[in-house]
């Protein structure tokens, strides 16, 4: 299974990528939304782990573009946003 991890916090991304890799997953890490969007447009991912607070292109926009292309890859959203309306 190939996973795209979209996270700009280097320590968090490294820890998640290592843990997923040790479980047998192939993990690609994108630190910003623009890169993630380009990679997703090319396809080939089985899962996206997406942090919403992205530099360059917000995670919500990455998700909107993914769905706009009718790509059905599952997305697990991570967010540090506290307000219910934001989540």
PDB file of N, CA and C in Angstrom:
ATOM      1  N   UNK A   1       0.854  -1.177   0.000  1.00  0.00           N
ATOM      2  CA  UNK A   1       0.000   0.000   0.000  1.00  0.00           C
ATOM      3  C   UNK A   1       0.895   1.234   0.000  1.00  0.00           C
ATOM      4  N   UNK A   2       0.601   2.174  -0.865  1.00  0.00           N
ATOM      5  CA  UNK A   2       1.366   3.419  -0.987  1.00  0.00           C
ATOM      6  C   UNK A   2       0.559   4.560  -0.363  1.00  0.00           C
ATOM      7  N   UNK A   3       1.184   5.247   0.600  1.00  0.00           N
ATOM      8  CA  UNK A   3       0.528   6.304   1.349  1.00  0.00           C
ATOM      9  C   UNK A   3       1.220   7.635   1.081  1.00  0.00           C
ATOM     10  N   UNK A   4       0.414   8.680   0.848  1.00  0.00           N
ATOM     11  CA  UNK A   4       0.942  10.038   0.779  1.00  0.00           C
ATOM     12  C   UNK A   4       0.663  10.706   2.112  1.00  0.00           C
ATOM     13  N   UNK A   5       1.716  11.092   2.800  1.00  0.00           N
ATOM     14  CA  UNK A   5       1.621  11.800   4.072  1.00  0.00           C
ATOM     15  C   UNK A   5       1.884  13.271   3.794  1.00  0.00           C
ATOM     16  N   UNK A   6       0.892  14.121   4.062  1.00  0.00           N
ATOM     17  CA  UNK A   6       1.014  15.553   3.800  1.00  0.00           C
ATOM     18  C   UNK A   6       1.107  16.255   5.148  1.00  0.00           C
ATOM     19  N   UNK A   7       2.346  16.592   5.516  1.00  0.00           N
ATOM     20  CA  UNK A   7       2.612  17.162   6.849  1.00  0.00           C
ATOM     21  C   UNK A   7       3.892  17.987   6.774  1.00  0.00           C
ATOM     22  N   UNK A   8       3.863  19.229   7.282  1.00  0.00           N
ATOM     23  CA  UNK A   8       5.051  20.078   7.227  1.00  0.00           C
ATOM     24  C   UNK A   8       5.872  20.064   8.514  1.00  0.00           C
ATOM     25  N   UNK A   9       5.347  19.515   9.582  1.00  0.00           N
ATOM     26  CA  UNK A   9       6.110  19.385  10.817  1.00  0.00           C
ATOM     27  C   UNK A   9       7.074  18.210  10.624  1.00  0.00           C
ATOM     28  N   UNK A  10       8.366  18.514  10.522  1.00  0.00           N
ATOM     29  CA  UNK A  10       9.365  17.514  10.177  1.00  0.00           C
ATOM     30  C   UNK A  10       9.399  16.357  11.171  1.00  0.00           C
ATOM     31  N   UNK A  11       9.359  16.665  12.463  1.00  0.00           N
ATOM     32  CA  UNK A  11       9.409  15.608  13.479  1.00  0.00           C
ATOM     33  C   UNK A  11       8.180  14.710  13.419  1.00  0.00           C
ATOM     34  N   UNK A  12       7.021  15.311  13.284  1.00  0.00           N
ATOM     35  CA  UNK A  12       5.784  14.535  13.197  1.00  0.00           C
ATOM     36  C   UNK A  12       5.760  13.690  11.936  1.00  0.00           C
ATOM     37  N   UNK A  13       6.128  14.290  10.813  1.00  0.00           N
ATOM     38  CA  UNK A  13       6.144  13.559   9.540  1.00  0.00           C
ATOM     39  C   UNK A  13       7.113  12.394   9.599  1.00  0.00           C
ATOM     40  N   UNK A  14       8.300  12.634  10.161  1.00  0.00           N
ATOM     41  CA  UNK A  14       9.299  11.571  10.259  1.00  0.00           C
ATOM     42  C   UNK A  14       8.800  10.421  11.131  1.00  0.00           C
ATOM     43  N   UNK A  15       8.219  10.757  12.271  1.00  0.00           N
ATOM     44  CA  UNK A  15       7.706   9.718  13.169  1.00  0.00           C
ATOM     45  C   UNK A  15       6.588   8.903  12.543  1.00  0.00           C
ATOM     46  N   UNK A  16       5.653   9.588  11.887  1.00  0.00           N
ATOM     47  CA  UNK A  16       4.548   8.877  11.231  1.00  0.00           C
ATOM     48  C   UNK A  16       5.057   8.016  10.078  1.00  0.00           C
ATOM     49  N   UNK A  17       5.963   8.561   9.288  1.00  0.00           N
ATOM     50  CA  UNK A  17       6.506   7.808   8.149  1.00  0.00           C
ATOM     51  C   UNK A  17       7.265   6.574   8.616  1.00  0.00           C
ATOM     52  N   UNK A  18       8.025   6.705   9.672  1.00  0.00           N
ATOM     53  CA  UNK A  18       8.759   5.553  10.219  1.00  0.00           C
ATOM     54  C   UNK A  18       7.805   4.478  10.729  1.00  0.00           C
ATOM     55  N   UNK A  19       6.821   4.900  11.501  1.00  0.00           N
ATOM     56  CA  UNK A  19       5.865   3.940  12.054  1.00  0.00           C
ATOM     57  C   UNK A  19       5.110   3.210  10.947  1.00  0.00           C
ATOM     58  N   UNK A  20       4.657   3.953   9.949  1.00  0.00           N
ATOM     59  CA  UNK A  20       3.938   3.330   8.837  1.00  0.00           C
ATOM     60  C   UNK A  20       4.864   2.436   8.023  1.00  0.00           C
ATOM     61  N   UNK A  21       6.101   2.882   7.823  1.00  0.00           N
ATOM     62  CA  UNK A  21       7.082   2.077   7.091  1.00  0.00           C
ATOM     63  C   UNK A  21       7.392   0.775   7.804  1.00  0.00           C
ATOM     64  N   UNK A  22       7.497   0.815   9.131  1.00  0.00           N
ATOM     65  CA  UNK A  22       7.754  -0.395   9.910  1.00  0.00           C
ATOM     66  C   UNK A  22       6.582  -1.368   9.843  1.00  0.00           C
ATOM     67  N   UNK A  23       5.419  -0.858   9.511  1.00  0.00           N
ATOM     68  CA  UNK A  23       4.237  -1.711   9.368  1.00  0.00           C
ATOM     69  C   UNK A  23       4.091  -2.225   7.938  1.00  0.00           C
ATOM     70  N   UNK A  24       5.060  -1.896   7.082  1.00  0.00           N
ATOM     71  CA  UNK A  24       5.070  -2.432   5.740  1.00  0.00           C
ATOM     72  C   UNK A  24       4.507  -1.528   4.653  1.00  0.00           C
ATOM     73  N   UNK A  25       4.161  -0.305   5.010  1.00  0.00           N
ATOM     74  CA  UNK A  25       3.611   0.623   4.025  1.00  0.00           C
ATOM     75  C   UNK A  25       4.734   1.409   3.347  1.00  0.00           C
ATOM     76  N   UNK A  26       4.498   1.782   2.102  1.00  0.00           N
ATOM     77  CA  UNK A  26       5.413   2.664   1.380  1.00  0.00           C
ATOM     78  C   UNK A  26       4.867   4.083   1.569  1.00  0.00           C
ATOM     79  N   UNK A  27       5.689   4.970   2.139  1.00  0.00           N
ATOM     80  CA  UNK A  27       5.225   6.305   2.488  1.00  0.00           C
ATOM     81  C   UNK A  27       6.021   7.368   1.738  1.00  0.00           C
ATOM     82  N   UNK A  28       5.303   8.256   1.069  1.00  0.00           N
ATOM     83  CA  UNK A  28       5.887   9.444   0.451  1.00  0.00           C
ATOM     84  C   UNK A  28       5.415  10.624   1.286  1.00  0.00           C
ATOM     85  N   UNK A  29       6.302  11.575   1.563  1.00  0.00           N
ATOM     86  CA  UNK A  29       5.953  12.719   2.393  1.00  0.00           C
ATOM     87  C   UNK A  29       6.030  14.012   1.580  1.00  0.00           C
ATOM     88  N   UNK A  30       4.961  14.774   1.620  1.00  0.00           N
ATOM     89  CA  UNK A  30       4.918  16.094   0.984  1.00  0.00           C
ATOM     90  C   UNK A  30       4.761  17.130   2.089  1.00  0.00           C
ATOM     91  N   UNK A  31       5.646  18.119   2.103  1.00  0.00           N
ATOM     92  CA  UNK A  31       5.622  19.125   3.163  1.00  0.00           C
ATOM     93  C   UNK A  31       4.679  20.283   2.862  1.00  0.00           C
ATOM     94  N   UNK A  32       4.218  20.403   1.617  1.00  0.00           N
ATOM     95  CA  UNK A  32       3.304  21.502   1.314  1.00  0.00           C
ATOM     96  C   UNK A  32       2.177  21.034   0.395  1.00  0.00           C
ATOM     97  N   UNK A  33       1.106  21.820   0.385  1.00  0.00           N
ATOM     98  CA  UNK A  33      -0.093  21.459  -0.359  1.00  0.00           C
ATOM     99  C   UNK A  33       0.087  21.437  -1.865  1.00  0.00           C
ATOM    100  N   UNK A  34       0.918  22.318  -2.396  1.00  0.00           N
ATOM    101  CA  UNK A  34       1.121  22.349  -3.850  1.00  0.00           C
ATOM    102  C   UNK A  34       1.787  21.074  -4.343  1.00  0.00           C
ATOM    103  N   UNK A  35       2.809  20.620  -3.621  1.00  0.00           N
ATOM    104  CA  UNK A  35       3.481  19.380  -3.985  1.00  0.00           C
ATOM    105  C   UNK A  35       2.524  18.201  -3.858  1.00  0.00           C
ATOM    106  N   UNK A  36       1.771  18.168  -2.778  1.00  0.00           N
ATOM    107  CA  UNK A  36       0.802  17.097  -2.572  1.00  0.00           C
ATOM    108  C   UNK A  36      -0.216  17.050  -3.710  1.00  0.00           C
ATOM    109  N   UNK A  37      -0.707  18.203  -4.120  1.00  0.00           N
ATOM    110  CA  UNK A  37      -1.684  18.267  -5.202  1.00  0.00           C
ATOM    111  C   UNK A  37      -1.088  17.737  -6.504  1.00  0.00           C
ATOM    112  N   UNK A  38       0.152  18.101  -6.808  1.00  0.00           N
ATOM    113  CA  UNK A  38       0.799  17.599  -8.030  1.00  0.00           C
ATOM    114  C   UNK A  38       0.940  16.087  -7.997  1.00  0.00           C
ATOM    115  N   UNK A  39       1.399  15.552  -6.856  1.00  0.00           N
ATOM    116  CA  UNK A  39       1.570  14.103  -6.741  1.00  0.00           C
ATOM    117  C   UNK A  39       0.231  13.379  -6.828  1.00  0.00           C
ATOM    118  N   UNK A  40      -0.785  13.937  -6.199  1.00  0.00           N
ATOM    119  CA  UNK A  40      -2.102  13.310  -6.232  1.00  0.00           C
ATOM    120  C   UNK A  40      -2.697  13.338  -7.632  1.00  0.00           C
ATOM    121  N   UNK A  41      -2.426  14.386  -8.387  1.00  0.00           N
ATOM    122  CA  UNK A  41      -2.934  14.466  -9.760  1.00  0.00           C
ATOM    123  C   UNK A  41      -2.364  13.331 -10.612  1.00  0.00           C
ATOM    124  N   UNK A  42      -1.157  12.904 -10.290  1.00  0.00           N
ATOM    125  CA  UNK A  42      -0.531  11.790 -11.024  1.00  0.00           C
ATOM    126  C   UNK A  42      -1.090  10.439 -10.600  1.00  0.00           C
ATOM    127  N   UNK A  43      -1.730  10.393  -9.434  1.00  0.00           N
ATOM    128  CA  UNK A  43      -2.344   9.146  -8.951  1.00  0.00           C
ATOM    129  C   UNK A  43      -1.326   8.195  -8.346  1.00  0.00           C
ATOM    130  N   UNK A  44      -1.771   6.989  -8.092  1.00  0.00           N
ATOM    131  CA  UNK A  44      -0.889   5.952  -7.579  1.00  0.00           C
ATOM    132  C   UNK A  44      -0.858   5.794  -6.074  1.00  0.00           C
ATOM    133  N   UNK A  45      -1.659   6.573  -5.340  1.00  0.00           N
ATOM    134  CA  UNK A  45      -1.679   6.430  -3.891  1.00  0.00           C
ATOM    135  C   UNK A  45      -2.930   5.672  -3.460  1.00  0.00           C
ATOM    136  N   UNK A  46      -2.767   4.854  -2.418  1.00  0.00           N
ATOM    137  CA  UNK A  46      -3.879   4.072  -1.886  1.00  0.00           C
ATOM    138  C   UNK A  46      -4.551   4.769  -0.699  1.00  0.00           C
ATOM    139  N   UNK A  47      -3.847   5.732  -0.108  1.00  0.00           N
ATOM    140  CA  UNK A  47      -4.353   6.455   1.055  1.00  0.00           C
ATOM    141  C   UNK A  47      -3.613   7.778   1.155  1.00  0.00           C
ATOM    142  N   UNK A  48      -4.315   8.813   1.622  1.00  0.00           N
ATOM    143  CA  UNK A  48      -3.705  10.110   1.905  1.00  0.00           C
ATOM    144  C   UNK A  48      -3.939  10.428   3.373  1.00  0.00           C
ATOM    145  N   UNK A  49      -2.864  10.767   4.079  1.00  0.00           N
ATOM    146  CA  UNK A  49      -2.957  11.274   5.440  1.00  0.00           C
ATOM    147  C   UNK A  49      -2.672  12.763   5.315  1.00  0.00           C
ATOM    148  N   UNK A  50      -3.685  13.580   5.536  1.00  0.00           N
ATOM    149  CA  UNK A  50      -3.633  15.002   5.186  1.00  0.00           C
ATOM    150  C   UNK A  50      -3.822  15.909   6.387  1.00  0.00           C
ATOM    151  N   UNK A  51      -2.807  16.723   6.655  1.00  0.00           N
ATOM    152  CA  UNK A  51      -2.928  17.772   7.664  1.00  0.00           C
ATOM    153  C   UNK A  51      -3.575  18.972   6.985  1.00  0.00           C
ATOM    154  N   UNK A  52      -4.564  19.566   7.604  1.00  0.00           N
ATOM    155  CA  UNK A  52      -5.280  20.677   6.981  1.00  0.00           C
ATOM    156  C   UNK A  52      -4.477  21.968   6.931  1.00  0.00           C
ATOM    157  N   UNK A  53      -3.650  22.237   7.914  1.00  0.00           N
ATOM    158  CA  UNK A  53      -2.908  23.494   7.975  1.00  0.00           C
ATOM    159  C   UNK A  53      -1.652  23.445   7.128  1.00  0.00           C
ATOM    160  N   UNK A  54      -1.773  23.588   5.835  1.00  0.00           N
ATOM    161  CA  UNK A  54      -0.668  23.444   4.895  1.00  0.00           C
ATOM    162  C   UNK A  54      -0.146  24.784   4.405  1.00  0.00           C
ATOM    163  N   UNK A  55       1.165  24.920   4.267  1.00  0.00           N
ATOM    164  CA  UNK A  55       1.685  26.099   3.577  1.00  0.00           C
ATOM    165  C   UNK A  55       1.502  25.927   2.067  1.00  0.00           C
ATOM    166  N   UNK A  56       1.367  27.031   1.373  1.00  0.00           N
ATOM    167  CA  UNK A  56       1.270  26.976  -0.086  1.00  0.00           C
ATOM    168  C   UNK A  56      -0.125  26.713  -0.594  1.00  0.00           C
ATOM    169  N   UNK A  57      -0.741  25.685  -0.116  1.00  0.00           N
ATOM    170  CA  UNK A  57      -2.097  25.316  -0.523  1.00  0.00           C
ATOM    171  C   UNK A  57      -2.731  24.611   0.667  1.00  0.00           C
ATOM    172  N   UNK A  58      -3.794  25.167   1.200  1.00  0.00           N
ATOM    173  CA  UNK A  58      -4.460  24.624   2.379  1.00  0.00           C
ATOM    174  C   UNK A  58      -4.923  23.187   2.131  1.00  0.00           C
ATOM    175  N   UNK A  59      -4.889  22.371   3.176  1.00  0.00           N
ATOM    176  CA  UNK A  59      -5.315  20.983   3.066  1.00  0.00           C
ATOM    177  C   UNK A  59      -6.746  20.828   2.580  1.00  0.00           C
ATOM    178  N   UNK A  60      -7.613  21.753   2.956  1.00  0.00           N
ATOM    179  CA  UNK A  60      -9.002  21.702   2.484  1.00  0.00           C
ATOM    180  C   UNK A  60      -9.064  21.857   0.974  1.00  0.00           C
ATOM    181  N   UNK A  61      -8.205  22.715   0.429  1.00  0.00           N
ATOM    182  CA  UNK A  61      -8.152  22.902  -1.022  1.00  0.00           C
ATOM    183  C   UNK A  61      -7.538  21.692  -1.716  1.00  0.00           C
ATOM    184  N   UNK A  62      -6.530  21.083  -1.101  1.00  0.00           N
ATOM    185  CA  UNK A  62      -5.952  19.848  -1.651  1.00  0.00           C
ATOM    186  C   UNK A  62      -7.044  18.790  -1.763  1.00  0.00           C
ATOM    187  N   UNK A  63      -7.839  18.649  -0.714  1.00  0.00           N
ATOM    188  CA  UNK A  63      -8.923  17.675  -0.707  1.00  0.00           C
ATOM    189  C   UNK A  63      -9.990  18.020  -1.750  1.00  0.00           C
ATOM    190  N   UNK A  64     -10.346  19.291  -1.853  1.00  0.00           N
ATOM    191  CA  UNK A  64     -11.344  19.716  -2.843  1.00  0.00           C
ATOM    192  C   UNK A  64     -10.868  19.423  -4.264  1.00  0.00           C
ATOM    193  N   UNK A  65      -9.598  19.681  -4.535  1.00  0.00           N
ATOM    194  CA  UNK A  65      -9.059  19.402  -5.874  1.00  0.00           C
ATOM    195  C   UNK A  65      -9.027  17.899  -6.157  1.00  0.00           C
ATOM    196  N   UNK A  66      -8.663  17.118  -5.148  1.00  0.00           N
ATOM    197  CA  UNK A  66      -8.641  15.661  -5.293  1.00  0.00           C
ATOM    198  C   UNK A  66     -10.025  15.147  -5.667  1.00  0.00           C
ATOM    199  N   UNK A  67     -11.031  15.593  -4.940  1.00  0.00           N
ATOM    200  CA  UNK A  67     -12.398  15.154  -5.212  1.00  0.00           C
ATOM    201  C   UNK A  67     -12.927  15.748  -6.517  1.00  0.00           C
ATOM    202  N   UNK A  68     -12.468  16.948  -6.861  1.00  0.00           N
ATOM    203  CA  UNK A  68     -12.856  17.566  -8.123  1.00  0.00           C
ATOM    204  C   UNK A  68     -12.371  16.769  -9.326  1.00  0.00           C
ATOM    205  N   UNK A  69     -11.252  16.057  -9.149  1.00  0.00           N
ATOM    206  CA  UNK A  69     -10.734  15.180 -10.207  1.00  0.00           C
ATOM    207  C   UNK A  69     -11.401  13.802 -10.167  1.00  0.00           C
ATOM    208  N   UNK A  70     -12.361  13.658  -9.272  1.00  0.00           N
ATOM    209  CA  UNK A  70     -13.102  12.416  -9.093  1.00  0.00           C
ATOM    210  C   UNK A  70     -12.208  11.242  -8.672  1.00  0.00           C
ATOM    211  N   UNK A  71     -11.126  11.558  -7.977  1.00  0.00           N
ATOM    212  CA  UNK A  71     -10.265  10.513  -7.440  1.00  0.00           C
ATOM    213  C   UNK A  71     -10.869  10.037  -6.126  1.00  0.00           C
ATOM    214  N   UNK A  72     -10.972   8.746  -5.984  1.00  0.00           N
ATOM    215  CA  UNK A  72     -11.673   8.174  -4.843  1.00  0.00           C
ATOM    216  C   UNK A  72     -10.734   7.632  -3.762  1.00  0.00           C
ATOM    217  N   UNK A  73      -9.474   8.046  -3.796  1.00  0.00           N
ATOM    218  CA  UNK A  73      -8.523   7.595  -2.789  1.00  0.00           C
ATOM    219  C   UNK A  73      -9.015   8.021  -1.401  1.00  0.00           C
ATOM    220  N   UNK A  74      -8.974   7.118  -0.419  1.00  0.00           N
ATOM    221  CA  UNK A  74      -9.389   7.482   0.943  1.00  0.00           C
ATOM    222  C   UNK A  74      -8.451   8.537   1.539  1.00  0.00           C
ATOM    223  N   UNK A  75      -9.015   9.436   2.345  1.00  0.00           N
ATOM    224  CA  UNK A  75      -8.244  10.506   2.971  1.00  0.00           C
ATOM    225  C   UNK A  75      -8.509  10.496   4.473  1.00  0.00           C
ATOM    226  N   UNK A  76      -7.429  10.428   5.237  1.00  0.00           N
ATOM    227  CA  UNK A  76      -7.507  10.566   6.687  1.00  0.00           C
ATOM    228  C   UNK A  76      -7.042  11.978   7.007  1.00  0.00           C
ATOM    229  N   UNK A  77      -7.927  12.795   7.563  1.00  0.00           N
ATOM    230  CA  UNK A  77      -7.623  14.195   7.835  1.00  0.00           C
ATOM    231  C   UNK A  77      -7.107  14.347   9.259  1.00  0.00           C
ATOM    232  N   UNK A  78      -5.972  15.054   9.384  1.00  0.00           N
ATOM    233  CA  UNK A  78      -5.418  15.411  10.695  1.00  0.00           C
ATOM    234  C   UNK A  78      -5.593  16.907  10.860  1.00  0.00           C
ATOM    235  N   UNK A  79      -5.937  17.327  12.064  1.00  0.00           N
ATOM    236  CA  UNK A  79      -6.103  18.756  12.288  1.00  0.00           C
ATOM    237  C   UNK A  79      -5.864  19.098  13.745  1.00  0.00           C
ATOM    238  N   UNK A  80      -5.197  20.214  13.947  1.00  0.00           N
ATOM    239  CA  UNK A  80      -5.033  20.742  15.306  1.00  0.00           C
ATOM    240  C   UNK A  80      -6.066  21.823  15.575  1.00  0.00           C
ATOM    241  N   UNK A  81      -6.979  22.001  14.646  1.00  0.00           N
ATOM    242  CA  UNK A  81      -8.014  23.019  14.816  1.00  0.00           C
ATOM    243  C   UNK A  81      -8.947  22.610  15.941  1.00  0.00           C
ATOM    244  N   UNK A  82      -9.258  23.548  16.799  1.00  0.00           N
ATOM    245  CA  UNK A  82     -10.014  23.222  17.997  1.00  0.00           C
ATOM    246  C   UNK A  82     -11.510  23.460  17.858  1.00  0.00           C
ATOM    247  N   UNK A  83     -11.888  24.533  17.182  1.00  0.00           N
ATOM    248  CA  UNK A  83     -13.311  24.876  17.098  1.00  0.00           C
ATOM    249  C   UNK A  83     -14.069  23.857  16.257  1.00  0.00           C
ATOM    250  N   UNK A  84     -15.231  23.476  16.734  1.00  0.00           N
ATOM    251  CA  UNK A  84     -16.054  22.483  16.037  1.00  0.00           C
ATOM    252  C   UNK A  84     -16.343  22.919  14.610  1.00  0.00           C
ATOM    253  N   UNK A  85     -16.606  24.206  14.394  1.00  0.00           N
ATOM    254  CA  UNK A  85     -16.914  24.709  13.054  1.00  0.00           C
ATOM    255  C   UNK A  85     -15.739  24.516  12.102  1.00  0.00           C
ATOM    256  N   UNK A  86     -14.526  24.641  12.601  1.00  0.00           N
ATOM    257  CA  UNK A  86     -13.339  24.479  11.782  1.00  0.00           C
ATOM    258  C   UNK A  86     -13.092  23.016  11.422  1.00  0.00           C
ATOM    259  N   UNK A  87     -13.406  22.132  12.362  1.00  0.00           N
ATOM    260  CA  UNK A  87     -13.198  20.704  12.107  1.00  0.00           C
ATOM    261  C   UNK A  87     -14.247  20.195  11.157  1.00  0.00           C
TER     262      UNK A  87
END
